[in-house]
Amino acid sequence: MASNPHSEKAHQALSELKQLSSTTEGWNFVQEKEGVKLYNKTVDGNPIPIVRGDIVLEGDYTVQQALTVCTLPGCRKIWDDKFDASEVKAWYSRYETLFWTKLKTPWPISPRDIAGTSLREFSEEEGYIVMTSVTDPAVPVISGNVRANLMVSGWKVAKTSTGAISLIYITQIDLAGSIPASFLKTVQQQVPLCARKVADYIKDHGYPPLLVSLSAQFKQESFDHAKGSYEVQLEGEGEARWSISGKMYPGGFRAELVGTGTCEAVSVHELVVKGISGPVTVKILKK
């Protein structure tokens, strides 16, 4: 994989997200709505407010399980009403990408799109996914769209002292161009409520197939919620293991492999692929 030319900016955004999500000091508490504590704050010299939504998800979930729901576009189509489409333009590593995404806007407001880089980092106790705008020739401006500036956006997912999962969603975005003030206010109010939507998604659907260990080389992955279809491309030699959600696949799952390797369903919640050699595509589907 190519090195990330936007690595410095991605890590700066991650550092900012960690700082913003580390405390509620300096944040203005707005209200609690749908179980989400809503906050905002302004930064000197920047008229664009930062918005935040906090919620606690009860249940037996891991940081990685929740974080993958926050991350994968196939899940975002369900939990984000403003999400229209996206495309990963480059995978720099399993946890770093260059992406394009398009946001829905009501007529006659022009659609907004974003060219950005994303970065994931996690441990057993906490994890982060951050996104920020970049300029890259692989993501040219599209006629008819207005290019928005995503200053920082992302999630902090952490285990609480009671074993529950804390979800914090933070976003600062300049939608650019001419936009009615009423629409801007609506966006600023709705965006942090995505924390509720993610919590509901996990409670209702579980999580997509989660690649929890890999000794081969990762190339790319995708997930289609409507079809319950997960696909990953691997290279090199080694093996891979997935955690499978019983809620996502209540009737069980099946695995398909193209290339050299052997699929072994260890249980209804675990898939192992051994003997990977060369390029391999693994699909996990509903039975």
Protein backbone atom coordinates (compact mmCIF):
# COMPACT_ATOMS: atom_id res chain seq x y z
CA MET A 1 0.00 0.00 0.00
CA ALA A 2 1.08 3.58 -0.69
CA SER A 3 2.00 5.78 2.25
CA ASN A 4 -0.57 8.37 3.26
CA PRO A 5 0.41 11.81 1.93
CA HIS A 6 -2.14 13.26 4.34
CA SER A 7 -0.85 11.41 7.41
CA GLU A 8 0.25 14.55 9.24
CA LYS A 9 -3.14 16.20 8.84
CA ALA A 10 -4.96 13.01 9.85
CA HIS A 11 -2.92 12.72 13.03
CA GLN A 12 -3.45 16.41 13.81
CA ALA A 13 -7.20 15.85 13.49
CA LEU A 14 -6.96 12.76 15.72
CA SER A 15 -5.10 14.77 18.36
CA GLU A 16 -7.78 17.46 18.19
CA LEU A 17 -10.59 14.89 18.48
CA LYS A 18 -8.93 13.34 21.53
CA GLN A 19 -8.62 16.75 23.18
CA LEU A 20 -12.20 17.77 22.36
CA SER A 21 -13.67 14.48 23.62
CA SER A 22 -11.54 14.24 26.78
CA THR A 23 -13.77 16.52 28.86
CA THR A 24 -17.00 18.53 28.82
CA GLU A 25 -15.21 21.56 30.26
CA GLY A 26 -15.41 24.46 27.84
CA TRP A 27 -18.48 22.99 26.13
CA ASN A 28 -21.89 24.64 26.29
CA PHE A 29 -24.57 22.15 27.33
CA VAL A 30 -27.60 22.72 25.09
CA GLN A 31 -30.12 20.05 26.08
CA GLU A 32 -30.69 16.32 26.39
CA LYS A 33 -32.72 14.96 23.49
CA GLU A 34 -33.55 11.35 22.63
CA GLY A 35 -31.12 10.28 25.34
CA VAL A 36 -28.26 12.28 23.79
CA LYS A 37 -26.55 15.06 25.71
CA LEU A 38 -26.02 17.86 23.19
CA TYR A 39 -23.20 20.37 23.42
CA ASN A 40 -21.59 23.04 21.28
CA LYS A 41 -18.60 25.33 21.50
CA THR A 42 -16.99 28.06 19.44
CA VAL A 43 -13.32 28.60 18.76
CA ASP A 44 -11.83 32.09 18.65
CA GLY A 45 -11.56 33.35 15.09
CA ASN A 46 -13.86 30.67 13.65
CA PRO A 47 -17.58 31.36 13.19
CA ILE A 48 -18.36 27.66 12.65
CA PRO A 49 -19.46 26.01 15.92
CA ILE A 50 -18.31 22.55 16.96
CA VAL A 51 -21.23 20.28 17.86
CA ARG A 52 -21.18 17.21 20.07
CA GLY A 53 -23.50 14.40 21.12
CA ASP A 54 -22.87 12.00 24.03
CA ILE A 55 -24.78 8.81 24.79
CA VAL A 56 -24.16 5.62 26.76
CA LEU A 57 -24.94 2.29 25.11
CA GLU A 58 -25.82 -0.41 27.61
CA GLY A 59 -25.05 -4.02 26.75
CA ASP A 60 -22.21 -6.44 26.20
CA TYR A 61 -20.32 -4.82 23.32
CA THR A 62 -16.65 -4.26 22.63
CA VAL A 63 -15.02 -1.00 21.57
CA GLN A 64 -14.13 -2.51 18.19
CA GLN A 65 -17.68 -3.68 17.53
CA ALA A 66 -19.13 -0.23 18.17
CA LEU A 67 -16.31 1.55 16.32
CA THR A 68 -16.84 -0.46 13.13
CA VAL A 69 -20.50 0.66 13.06
CA CYS A 70 -19.32 4.27 13.39
CA THR A 71 -16.81 3.75 10.58
CA LEU A 72 -18.20 1.68 7.71
CA PRO A 73 -20.18 3.61 5.05
CA GLY A 74 -22.58 0.68 4.73
CA CYS A 75 -23.67 1.31 8.32
CA ARG A 76 -23.62 5.08 7.96
CA LYS A 77 -26.30 4.89 5.28
CA ILE A 78 -28.60 3.70 8.05
CA TRP A 79 -27.64 5.95 10.96
CA ASP A 80 -26.94 9.24 9.14
CA ASP A 81 -29.92 10.86 7.38
CA LYS A 82 -27.62 13.39 5.68
CA PHE A 83 -25.37 10.71 4.15
CA ASP A 84 -25.93 10.20 0.41
CA ALA A 85 -22.97 8.31 -1.08
CA SER A 86 -19.27 7.67 -0.57
CA GLU A 87 -16.28 6.04 -2.18
CA VAL A 88 -12.92 5.07 -0.75
CA LYS A 89 -10.37 6.41 -3.23
CA ALA A 90 -7.30 4.89 -1.56
CA TRP A 91 -6.48 2.53 1.32
CA TYR A 92 -3.19 3.58 2.91
CA SER A 93 -3.52 0.94 5.61
CA ARG A 94 -6.31 -1.03 7.21
CA TYR A 95 -7.12 2.05 9.31
CA GLU A 96 -6.24 4.96 6.98
CA THR A 97 -8.12 5.98 3.84
CA LEU A 98 -8.67 8.74 1.32
CA PHE A 99 -12.39 9.12 0.67
CA TRP A 100 -15.07 11.08 -1.15
CA THR A 101 -18.52 11.50 0.33
CA LYS A 102 -21.67 13.32 -0.70
CA LEU A 103 -24.23 14.85 1.66
CA LYS A 104 -27.95 15.22 1.04
CA THR A 105 -29.40 18.72 0.84
CA PRO A 106 -33.00 19.80 0.19
CA TRP A 107 -33.84 21.47 -3.11
CA PRO A 108 -32.79 24.05 -4.22
CA ILE A 109 -29.60 23.86 -2.13
CA SER A 110 -26.72 22.32 -4.11
CA PRO A 111 -25.41 18.99 -2.82
CA ARG A 112 -22.29 19.19 -0.67
CA ASP A 113 -19.39 16.79 -0.99
CA ILE A 114 -16.15 16.23 0.88
CA ALA A 115 -12.68 15.02 -0.03
CA GLY A 116 -11.15 13.73 3.16
CA THR A 117 -8.81 11.39 4.93
CA SER A 118 -9.82 9.09 7.79
CA LEU A 119 -7.82 7.49 10.57
CA ARG A 120 -8.80 4.85 13.13
CA GLU A 121 -7.03 4.05 16.39
CA PHE A 122 -8.22 1.79 19.19
CA SER A 123 -7.43 -0.38 22.18
CA GLU A 124 -9.66 -2.63 24.26
CA GLU A 125 -10.68 0.33 26.41
CA GLU A 126 -11.21 3.13 23.87
CA GLY A 127 -11.13 3.89 20.17
CA TYR A 128 -11.36 6.78 17.73
CA ILE A 129 -12.31 7.33 14.10
CA VAL A 130 -11.54 10.80 12.77
CA MET A 131 -12.13 12.45 9.40
CA THR A 132 -10.88 15.75 8.01
CA SER A 133 -10.87 17.47 4.63
CA VAL A 134 -7.87 17.31 2.32
CA THR A 135 -7.05 18.39 -1.22
CA ASP A 136 -6.06 15.49 -3.43
CA PRO A 137 -6.03 15.03 -7.23
CA ALA A 138 -7.72 11.65 -6.78
CA VAL A 139 -10.83 13.47 -5.52
CA PRO A 140 -11.49 16.26 -8.04
CA VAL A 141 -14.25 18.82 -7.65
CA ILE A 142 -17.49 17.59 -9.23
CA SER A 143 -19.66 19.93 -11.25
CA GLY A 144 -22.95 20.63 -9.49
CA ASN A 145 -21.55 19.90 -6.02
CA VAL A 146 -20.20 22.42 -3.53
CA ARG A 147 -17.04 21.21 -1.79
CA ALA A 148 -17.53 21.48 1.97
CA ASN A 149 -14.68 21.83 4.46
CA LEU A 150 -14.74 19.18 7.18
CA MET A 151 -12.47 20.67 9.80
CA VAL A 152 -12.85 17.75 12.17
CA SER A 153 -15.41 15.00 12.61
CA GLY A 154 -15.30 11.72 14.43
CA TRP A 155 -16.16 9.39 17.25
CA LYS A 156 -14.73 8.44 20.59
CA VAL A 157 -15.90 5.00 21.73
CA ALA A 158 -14.91 3.96 25.24
CA LYS A 159 -15.72 1.40 27.92
CA THR A 160 -17.30 2.91 31.01
CA SER A 161 -16.65 1.81 34.59
CA THR A 162 -19.88 -0.22 34.47
CA GLY A 163 -18.89 -2.04 31.26
CA ALA A 164 -21.23 -0.07 29.02
CA ILE A 165 -20.06 1.81 25.91
CA SER A 166 -19.75 5.60 25.82
CA LEU A 167 -20.31 7.13 22.37
CA ILE A 168 -19.19 10.69 21.68
CA TYR A 169 -19.74 12.23 18.23
CA ILE A 170 -18.05 15.55 17.39
CA THR A 171 -18.25 17.54 14.15
CA GLN A 172 -17.15 20.91 12.84
CA ILE A 173 -18.02 21.49 9.18
CA ASP A 174 -18.19 24.50 6.90
CA LEU A 175 -20.82 23.68 4.27
CA ALA A 176 -19.54 26.60 2.15
CA GLY A 177 -21.45 28.56 -0.45
CA SER A 178 -24.81 30.19 0.11
CA ILE A 179 -27.02 28.32 2.56
CA PRO A 180 -30.18 29.51 4.35
CA ALA A 181 -29.58 30.08 8.06
CA SER A 182 -32.53 27.83 8.89
CA PHE A 183 -30.91 24.87 7.10
CA LEU A 184 -27.59 25.47 8.85
CA LYS A 185 -29.33 25.52 12.22
CA THR A 186 -31.17 22.28 11.41
CA VAL A 187 -27.90 20.55 10.45
CA GLN A 188 -26.19 21.74 13.61
CA GLN A 189 -29.05 20.35 15.70
CA GLN A 190 -29.38 17.04 13.86
CA VAL A 191 -25.74 16.00 13.39
CA PRO A 192 -24.94 15.15 17.05
CA LEU A 193 -28.18 13.13 17.30
CA CYS A 194 -26.40 10.55 15.14
CA ALA A 195 -25.07 9.26 18.47
CA ARG A 196 -28.59 8.00 19.20
CA LYS A 197 -28.85 6.46 15.72
CA VAL A 198 -25.58 4.55 16.15
CA ALA A 199 -26.66 3.24 19.55
CA ASP A 200 -29.99 2.14 18.03
CA TYR A 201 -28.22 0.50 15.09
CA ILE A 202 -26.05 -1.59 17.39
CA LYS A 203 -29.00 -2.59 19.59
CA ASP A 204 -31.18 -3.49 16.57
CA HIS A 205 -28.65 -4.94 14.12
CA GLY A 206 -25.46 -5.74 16.01
CA TYR A 207 -22.36 -5.02 13.96
CA PRO A 208 -20.89 -6.00 10.56
CA PRO A 209 -18.41 -8.88 10.34
CA LEU A 210 -15.42 -7.67 12.33
CA LEU A 211 -11.90 -8.65 11.30
CA VAL A 212 -10.34 -9.14 14.74
CA SER A 213 -7.01 -10.73 13.76
CA LEU A 214 -5.02 -10.94 10.54
CA SER A 215 -1.57 -12.26 9.67
CA ALA A 216 -1.98 -11.81 5.88
CA GLN A 217 -2.04 -8.38 4.22
CA PHE A 218 -5.20 -6.26 4.22
CA LYS A 219 -6.21 -4.56 0.95
CA GLN A 220 -9.75 -3.26 1.36
CA GLU A 221 -13.20 -4.07 2.77
CA SER A 222 -16.83 -3.07 2.21
CA PHE A 223 -20.23 -3.75 3.74
CA ASP A 224 -23.77 -3.56 2.34
CA HIS A 225 -26.31 -3.34 5.16
CA ALA A 226 -29.39 -4.05 3.04
CA LYS A 227 -27.91 -7.28 1.72
CA GLY A 228 -26.01 -8.16 4.88
CA SER A 229 -23.02 -8.63 2.58
CA TYR A 230 -19.43 -8.09 3.73
CA GLU A 231 -16.42 -8.39 1.42
CA VAL A 232 -12.70 -8.11 2.10
CA GLN A 233 -9.65 -8.44 -0.13
CA LEU A 234 -6.44 -9.87 1.31
CA GLU A 235 -2.98 -10.68 -0.02
CA GLY A 236 0.14 -12.55 1.01
CA GLU A 237 0.16 -15.52 3.35
CA GLY A 238 -1.42 -16.16 6.72
CA GLU A 239 -4.87 -16.40 8.23
CA ALA A 240 -7.74 -14.17 9.32
CA ARG A 241 -10.45 -14.33 11.97
CA TRP A 242 -13.81 -12.55 12.15
CA SER A 243 -16.28 -11.95 14.95
CA ILE A 244 -19.84 -12.42 13.66
CA SER A 245 -22.89 -10.76 15.23
CA GLY A 246 -25.86 -13.00 15.88
CA LYS A 247 -28.15 -9.98 15.51
CA MET A 248 -26.70 -9.15 12.10
CA TYR A 249 -27.03 -12.80 11.01
CA PRO A 250 -29.89 -14.25 13.09
CA GLY A 251 -30.36 -17.11 10.61
CA GLY A 252 -26.65 -17.84 10.42
CA PHE A 253 -24.00 -16.86 7.90
CA ARG A 254 -22.14 -18.43 5.02
CA ALA A 255 -18.68 -17.62 3.70
CA GLU A 256 -17.39 -17.61 0.14
CA LEU A 257 -13.71 -17.53 -0.79
CA VAL A 258 -12.08 -16.76 -4.12
CA GLY A 259 -8.40 -17.69 -4.17
CA THR A 260 -6.29 -20.00 -2.04
CA GLY A 261 -7.48 -20.58 1.50
CA THR A 262 -9.93 -22.54 3.63
CA CYS A 263 -13.01 -21.15 5.41
CA GLU A 264 -13.86 -22.65 8.78
CA ALA A 265 -16.93 -21.55 10.76
CA VAL A 266 -15.64 -22.09 14.29
CA SER A 267 -19.07 -21.20 15.70
CA VAL A 268 -22.12 -19.11 14.82
CA HIS A 269 -20.09 -16.13 16.05
CA GLU A 270 -16.66 -16.81 14.57
CA LEU A 271 -15.13 -17.42 11.15
CA VAL A 272 -11.51 -18.35 10.49
CA VAL A 273 -9.84 -18.44 7.08
CA LYS A 274 -6.60 -20.42 7.06
CA GLY A 275 -3.94 -21.04 4.45
CA ILE A 276 -4.31 -17.68 2.70
CA SER A 277 -1.84 -17.50 -0.18
CA GLY A 278 -1.79 -14.80 -2.83
CA PRO A 279 -4.77 -12.53 -3.56
CA VAL A 280 -7.90 -13.72 -1.75
CA THR A 281 -11.44 -12.33 -1.59
CA VAL A 282 -13.65 -13.38 1.31
CA LYS A 283 -17.39 -12.73 1.36
CA ILE A 284 -19.64 -13.18 4.39
CA LEU A 285 -23.34 -13.41 3.59
CA LYS A 286 -26.66 -14.28 5.16
CA LYS A 287 -27.66 -17.92 4.89
